PDB file of all heavy atoms in Angstrom:
ATOM      1  N   ILE A   1       0.827  -1.191  -0.028  1.00  0.00           N
ATOM      2  CA  ILE A   1      -0.009   0.015   0.011  1.00  0.00           C
ATOM      3  C   ILE A   1       0.892   1.237  -0.022  1.00  0.00           C
ATOM      4  O   ILE A   1       0.995   1.973   1.053  1.00  0.00           O
ATOM      5  CB  ILE A   1      -0.924   0.023   1.184  1.00  0.00           C
ATOM      6  CG1 ILE A   1      -1.771  -1.267   1.172  1.00  0.00           C
ATOM      7  CG2 ILE A   1      -1.900   1.172   1.203  1.00  0.00           C
ATOM      8  CD1 ILE A   1      -2.695  -1.505   2.394  1.00  0.00           C
ATOM      9  N   ILE A   2       1.465   1.494  -1.120  1.00  0.00           N
ATOM     10  CA  ILE A   2       2.258   2.722  -1.377  1.00  0.00           C
ATOM     11  C   ILE A   2       1.893   3.230  -2.731  1.00  0.00           C
ATOM     12  O   ILE A   2       2.146   2.537  -3.735  1.00  0.00           O
ATOM     13  CB  ILE A   2       3.755   2.466  -1.242  1.00  0.00           C
ATOM     14  CG1 ILE A   2       4.115   2.109   0.181  1.00  0.00           C
ATOM     15  CG2 ILE A   2       4.545   3.747  -1.660  1.00  0.00           C
ATOM     16  CD1 ILE A   2       5.528   1.629   0.363  1.00  0.00           C
ATOM     17  N   SER A   3       1.246   4.368  -2.889  1.00  0.00           N
ATOM     18  CA  SER A   3       0.809   4.938  -4.138  1.00  0.00           C
ATOM     19  C   SER A   3       0.834   6.446  -4.010  1.00  0.00           C
ATOM     20  O   SER A   3       1.050   7.023  -2.917  1.00  0.00           O
ATOM     21  CB  SER A   3      -0.560   4.383  -4.502  1.00  0.00           C
ATOM     22  OG  SER A   3      -1.551   4.962  -3.638  1.00  0.00           O
ATOM     23  N   ASN A   4       0.597   7.117  -5.149  1.00  0.00           N
ATOM     24  CA  ASN A   4       0.653   8.559  -5.054  1.00  0.00           C
ATOM     25  C   ASN A   4      -0.600   9.082  -4.274  1.00  0.00           C
ATOM     26  O   ASN A   4      -0.606  10.178  -3.670  1.00  0.00           O
ATOM     27  CB  ASN A   4       0.589   9.171  -6.495  1.00  0.00           C
ATOM     28  CG  ASN A   4      -0.589   8.628  -7.327  1.00  0.00           C
ATOM     29  OD1 ASN A   4      -1.289   7.706  -6.937  1.00  0.00           O
ATOM     30  ND2 ASN A   4      -0.809   9.201  -8.528  1.00  0.00           N
ATOM     31  N   ILE A   5      -1.679   8.291  -4.171  1.00  0.00           N
ATOM     32  CA  ILE A   5      -2.827   8.666  -3.367  1.00  0.00           C
ATOM     33  C   ILE A   5      -2.498   8.597  -1.850  1.00  0.00           C
ATOM     34  O   ILE A   5      -2.759   9.501  -1.046  1.00  0.00           O
ATOM     35  CB  ILE A   5      -4.043   7.862  -3.661  1.00  0.00           C
ATOM     36  CG1 ILE A   5      -4.348   7.874  -5.229  1.00  0.00           C
ATOM     37  CG2 ILE A   5      -5.249   8.287  -2.894  1.00  0.00           C
ATOM     38  CD1 ILE A   5      -4.710   9.225  -5.725  1.00  0.00           C
ATOM     39  N   THR A   6      -2.040   7.472  -1.457  1.00  0.00           N
ATOM     40  CA  THR A   6      -1.748   7.251  -0.024  1.00  0.00           C
ATOM     41  C   THR A   6      -0.664   8.156   0.405  1.00  0.00           C
ATOM     42  O   THR A   6      -0.704   8.708   1.588  1.00  0.00           O
ATOM     43  CB  THR A   6      -1.317   5.831   0.279  1.00  0.00           C
ATOM     44  OG1 THR A   6      -0.217   5.484  -0.561  1.00  0.00           O
ATOM     45  CG2 THR A   6      -2.381   4.785  -0.090  1.00  0.00           C
ATOM     46  N   GLU A   7       0.377   8.449  -0.419  1.00  0.00           N
ATOM     47  CA  GLU A   7       1.502   9.294  -0.031  1.00  0.00           C
ATOM     48  C   GLU A   7       1.151  10.726   0.012  1.00  0.00           C
ATOM     49  O   GLU A   7       1.747  11.578   0.704  1.00  0.00           O
ATOM     50  CB  GLU A   7       2.710   8.956  -0.910  1.00  0.00           C
ATOM     51  CG  GLU A   7       3.240   7.534  -0.813  1.00  0.00           C
ATOM     52  CD  GLU A   7       3.414   7.138   0.641  1.00  0.00           C
ATOM     53  OE1 GLU A   7       4.054   7.869   1.473  1.00  0.00           O
ATOM     54  OE2 GLU A   7       2.820   6.087   1.033  1.00  0.00           O
ATOM     55  N   SER A   8       0.207  11.174  -0.802  1.00  0.00           N
ATOM     56  CA  SER A   8      -0.224  12.569  -0.735  1.00  0.00           C
ATOM     57  C   SER A   8      -0.910  12.882   0.602  1.00  0.00           C
ATOM     58  O   SER A   8      -0.795  14.024   1.100  1.00  0.00           O
ATOM     59  CB  SER A   8      -1.288  12.842  -1.889  1.00  0.00           C
ATOM     60  OG  SER A   8      -2.440  12.071  -1.735  1.00  0.00           O
ATOM     61  N   GLU A   9      -1.624  11.864   1.196  1.00  0.00           N
ATOM     62  CA  GLU A   9      -2.114  12.046   2.478  1.00  0.00           C
ATOM     63  C   GLU A   9      -1.077  11.924   3.567  1.00  0.00           C
ATOM     64  O   GLU A   9      -1.090  12.701   4.590  1.00  0.00           O
ATOM     65  CB  GLU A   9      -3.160  10.951   2.743  1.00  0.00           C
ATOM     66  CG  GLU A   9      -4.417  10.951   1.809  1.00  0.00           C
ATOM     67  CD  GLU A   9      -5.321   9.796   1.961  1.00  0.00           C
ATOM     68  OE1 GLU A   9      -4.937   8.924   2.827  1.00  0.00           O
ATOM     69  OE2 GLU A   9      -6.283   9.769   1.353  1.00  0.00           O
ATOM     70  N   GLU A  10      -0.027  11.160   3.346  1.00  0.00           N
ATOM     71  CA  GLU A  10       1.083  11.023   4.292  1.00  0.00           C
ATOM     72  C   GLU A  10       1.802  12.287   4.439  1.00  0.00           C
ATOM     73  O   GLU A  10       2.288  12.635   5.509  1.00  0.00           O
ATOM     74  CB  GLU A  10       1.997   9.890   3.906  1.00  0.00           C
ATOM     75  CG  GLU A  10       2.978   9.464   4.929  1.00  0.00           C
ATOM     76  CD  GLU A  10       2.276   8.977   6.199  1.00  0.00           C
ATOM     77  OE1 GLU A  10       1.240   8.287   6.118  1.00  0.00           O
ATOM     78  OE2 GLU A  10       2.892   9.243   7.276  1.00  0.00           O
ATOM     79  N   ILE A  11       2.104  12.992   3.341  1.00  0.00           N
ATOM     80  CA  ILE A  11       2.896  14.216   3.282  1.00  0.00           C
ATOM     81  C   ILE A  11       2.195  15.262   4.208  1.00  0.00           C
ATOM     82  O   ILE A  11       2.906  16.046   4.836  1.00  0.00           O
ATOM     83  CB  ILE A  11       3.092  14.748   1.953  1.00  0.00           C
ATOM     84  CG1 ILE A  11       4.061  13.775   1.140  1.00  0.00           C
ATOM     85  CG2 ILE A  11       3.748  16.155   1.886  1.00  0.00           C
ATOM     86  CD1 ILE A  11       4.213  14.069  -0.325  1.00  0.00           C
ATOM     87  N   ARG A  12       0.933  15.347   4.120  1.00  0.00           N
ATOM     88  CA  ARG A  12       0.256  16.323   5.028  1.00  0.00           C
ATOM     89  C   ARG A  12      -0.274  15.757   6.318  1.00  0.00           C
ATOM     90  O   ARG A  12      -1.135  16.411   6.937  1.00  0.00           O
ATOM     91  CB  ARG A  12      -1.001  16.913   4.177  1.00  0.00           C
ATOM     92  CG  ARG A  12      -0.620  17.757   3.029  1.00  0.00           C
ATOM     93  CD  ARG A  12      -1.843  18.243   2.218  1.00  0.00           C
ATOM     94  NE  ARG A  12      -2.758  18.851   3.176  1.00  0.00           N
ATOM     95  CZ  ARG A  12      -2.751  20.180   3.439  1.00  0.00           C
ATOM     96  NH1 ARG A  12      -1.770  20.940   2.945  1.00  0.00           N
ATOM     97  NH2 ARG A  12      -3.694  20.700   4.202  1.00  0.00           N
ATOM     98  N   SER A  13       0.253  14.624   6.731  1.00  0.00           N
ATOM     99  CA  SER A  13      -0.183  14.062   8.049  1.00  0.00           C
ATOM    100  C   SER A  13       0.262  14.935   9.183  1.00  0.00           C
ATOM    101  O   SER A  13       1.277  15.650   9.128  1.00  0.00           O
ATOM    102  CB  SER A  13       0.380  12.656   8.159  1.00  0.00           C
ATOM    103  OG  SER A  13       1.812  12.699   8.252  1.00  0.00           O
ATOM    104  N   ASP A  14      -0.422  14.885  10.288  1.00  0.00           N
ATOM    105  CA  ASP A  14      -0.073  15.658  11.530  1.00  0.00           C
ATOM    106  C   ASP A  14       1.294  15.328  11.981  1.00  0.00           C
ATOM    107  O   ASP A  14       2.027  16.218  12.456  1.00  0.00           O
ATOM    108  CB  ASP A  14      -1.161  15.423  12.572  1.00  0.00           C
ATOM    109  CG  ASP A  14      -2.458  15.967  12.223  1.00  0.00           C
ATOM    110  OD1 ASP A  14      -2.499  16.967  11.420  1.00  0.00           O
ATOM    111  OD2 ASP A  14      -3.528  15.480  12.758  1.00  0.00           O
ATOM    112  N   ARG A  15       1.615  14.055  11.879  1.00  0.00           N
ATOM    113  CA  ARG A  15       2.962  13.584  12.383  1.00  0.00           C
ATOM    114  C   ARG A  15       4.121  14.257  11.618  1.00  0.00           C
ATOM    115  O   ARG A  15       5.010  14.774  12.228  1.00  0.00           O
ATOM    116  CB  ARG A  15       3.003  12.046  12.225  1.00  0.00           C
ATOM    117  CG  ARG A  15       4.372  11.427  12.505  1.00  0.00           C
ATOM    118  CD  ARG A  15       4.298   9.898  12.290  1.00  0.00           C
ATOM    119  NE  ARG A  15       3.968   9.615  10.920  1.00  0.00           N
ATOM    120  CZ  ARG A  15       4.882   9.597   9.920  1.00  0.00           C
ATOM    121  NH1 ARG A  15       6.140   9.898  10.162  1.00  0.00           N
ATOM    122  NH2 ARG A  15       4.456   9.306   8.712  1.00  0.00           N
ATOM    123  N   LEU A  16       3.953  14.335  10.289  1.00  0.00           N
ATOM    124  CA  LEU A  16       5.056  14.915   9.514  1.00  0.00           C
ATOM    125  C   LEU A  16       5.073  16.387   9.568  1.00  0.00           C
ATOM    126  O   LEU A  16       6.188  16.983   9.676  1.00  0.00           O
ATOM    127  CB  LEU A  16       4.904  14.466   8.039  1.00  0.00           C
ATOM    128  CG  LEU A  16       6.202  14.554   7.200  1.00  0.00           C
ATOM    129  CD1 LEU A  16       7.304  13.698   7.735  1.00  0.00           C
ATOM    130  CD2 LEU A  16       5.894  14.169   5.736  1.00  0.00           C
ATOM    131  N   LEU A  17       3.916  16.964   9.667  1.00  0.00           N
ATOM    132  CA  LEU A  17       3.855  18.506   9.758  1.00  0.00           C
ATOM    133  C   LEU A  17       4.460  18.997  11.087  1.00  0.00           C
ATOM    134  O   LEU A  17       5.074  20.031  11.198  1.00  0.00           O
ATOM    135  CB  LEU A  17       2.470  18.998   9.621  1.00  0.00           C
ATOM    136  CG  LEU A  17       1.852  18.849   8.187  1.00  0.00           C
ATOM    137  CD1 LEU A  17       0.398  19.346   8.173  1.00  0.00           C
ATOM    138  CD2 LEU A  17       2.664  19.571   7.206  1.00  0.00           C
ATOM    139  N   GLU A  18       4.226  18.228  12.131  1.00  0.00           N
ATOM    140  CA  GLU A  18       4.839  18.529  13.486  1.00  0.00           C
ATOM    141  C   GLU A  18       6.376  18.559  13.397  1.00  0.00           C
ATOM    142  O   GLU A  18       6.934  19.466  13.934  1.00  0.00           O
ATOM    143  CB  GLU A  18       4.270  17.564  14.468  1.00  0.00           C
ATOM    144  CG  GLU A  18       4.727  17.856  15.892  1.00  0.00           C
ATOM    145  CD  GLU A  18       4.187  16.965  16.966  1.00  0.00           C
ATOM    146  OE1 GLU A  18       3.234  16.152  16.614  1.00  0.00           O
ATOM    147  OE2 GLU A  18       4.653  16.970  18.088  1.00  0.00           O
ATOM    148  N   VAL A  19       6.902  17.510  12.709  1.00  0.00           N
ATOM    149  CA  VAL A  19       8.359  17.414  12.701  1.00  0.00           C
ATOM    150  C   VAL A  19       8.885  18.514  11.718  1.00  0.00           C
ATOM    151  O   VAL A  19       9.931  19.150  12.053  1.00  0.00           O
ATOM    152  CB  VAL A  19       8.816  16.115  12.041  1.00  0.00           C
ATOM    153  CG1 VAL A  19      10.300  15.981  11.897  1.00  0.00           C
ATOM    154  CG2 VAL A  19       8.295  14.912  12.980  1.00  0.00           C
ATOM    155  N   LEU A  20       8.113  18.866  10.659  1.00  0.00           N
ATOM    156  CA  LEU A  20       8.480  19.958   9.822  1.00  0.00           C
ATOM    157  C   LEU A  20       8.589  21.260  10.546  1.00  0.00           C
ATOM    158  O   LEU A  20       9.598  22.025  10.419  1.00  0.00           O
ATOM    159  CB  LEU A  20       7.517  20.013   8.633  1.00  0.00           C
ATOM    160  CG  LEU A  20       7.674  21.268   7.649  1.00  0.00           C
ATOM    161  CD1 LEU A  20       9.044  21.278   6.979  1.00  0.00           C
ATOM    162  CD2 LEU A  20       6.503  21.249   6.700  1.00  0.00           C
ATOM    163  N   GLN A  21       7.627  21.541  11.300  1.00  0.00           N
ATOM    164  CA  GLN A  21       7.544  22.829  12.040  1.00  0.00           C
ATOM    165  C   GLN A  21       8.733  22.985  12.987  1.00  0.00           C
ATOM    166  O   GLN A  21       9.284  24.072  13.150  1.00  0.00           O
ATOM    167  CB  GLN A  21       6.272  22.889  12.824  1.00  0.00           C
ATOM    168  CG  GLN A  21       6.011  24.225  13.520  1.00  0.00           C
ATOM    169  CD  GLN A  21       4.617  24.241  14.232  1.00  0.00           C
ATOM    170  OE1 GLN A  21       4.051  23.265  14.450  1.00  0.00           O
ATOM    171  NE2 GLN A  21       4.110  25.406  14.484  1.00  0.00           N
ATOM    172  N   GLU A  22       9.253  21.865  13.621  1.00  0.00           N
ATOM    173  CA  GLU A  22      10.327  21.903  14.485  1.00  0.00           C
ATOM    174  C   GLU A  22      11.621  22.070  13.759  1.00  0.00           C
ATOM    175  O   GLU A  22      12.587  22.631  14.333  1.00  0.00           O
ATOM    176  CB  GLU A  22      10.385  20.565  15.299  1.00  0.00           C
ATOM    177  CG  GLU A  22       9.219  20.344  16.229  1.00  0.00           C
ATOM    178  CD  GLU A  22       9.200  18.939  16.850  1.00  0.00           C
ATOM    179  OE1 GLU A  22      10.064  18.170  16.480  1.00  0.00           O
ATOM    180  OE2 GLU A  22       8.325  18.724  17.697  1.00  0.00           O
ATOM    181  N   ASN A  23      11.738  21.706  12.462  1.00  0.00           N
ATOM    182  CA  ASN A  23      12.951  21.661  11.758  1.00  0.00           C
ATOM    183  C   ASN A  23      13.104  22.958  10.944  1.00  0.00           C
ATOM    184  O   ASN A  23      14.202  23.186  10.281  1.00  0.00           O
ATOM    185  CB  ASN A  23      13.089  20.498  10.850  1.00  0.00           C
ATOM    186  CG  ASN A  23      13.528  19.229  11.612  1.00  0.00           C
ATOM    187  OD1 ASN A  23      14.642  18.963  11.798  1.00  0.00           O
ATOM    188  ND2 ASN A  23      12.528  18.532  12.187  1.00  0.00           N
ATOM    189  N   LEU A  24      12.163  23.878  10.813  1.00  0.00           N
ATOM    190  CA  LEU A  24      12.301  25.066  10.121  1.00  0.00           C
ATOM    191  C   LEU A  24      13.062  26.163  10.821  1.00  0.00           C
ATOM    192  O   LEU A  24      13.075  26.133  12.092  1.00  0.00           O
ATOM    193  CB  LEU A  24      10.895  25.646   9.722  1.00  0.00           C
ATOM    194  CG  LEU A  24      10.079  24.800   8.757  1.00  0.00           C
ATOM    195  CD1 LEU A  24       8.669  25.450   8.665  1.00  0.00           C
ATOM    196  CD2 LEU A  24      10.702  24.810   7.361  1.00  0.00           C
ATOM    197  N   SER A  25      13.757  26.967  10.120  1.00  0.00           N
ATOM    198  CA  SER A  25      14.671  27.923  10.803  1.00  0.00           C
ATOM    199  C   SER A  25      13.862  29.195  11.251  1.00  0.00           C
ATOM    200  O   SER A  25      14.414  30.110  11.843  1.00  0.00           O
ATOM    201  CB  SER A  25      15.788  28.373   9.849  1.00  0.00           C
ATOM    202  OG  SER A  25      15.312  28.968   8.735  1.00  0.00           O
TER     203      SER A  25
END
């Protein structure tokens, strides 16, 4: 279960956005 549909949701997941916010300058 890895496709452009599932991964588009994964990129905007709360988990990844939280890490992104912490890593921005």
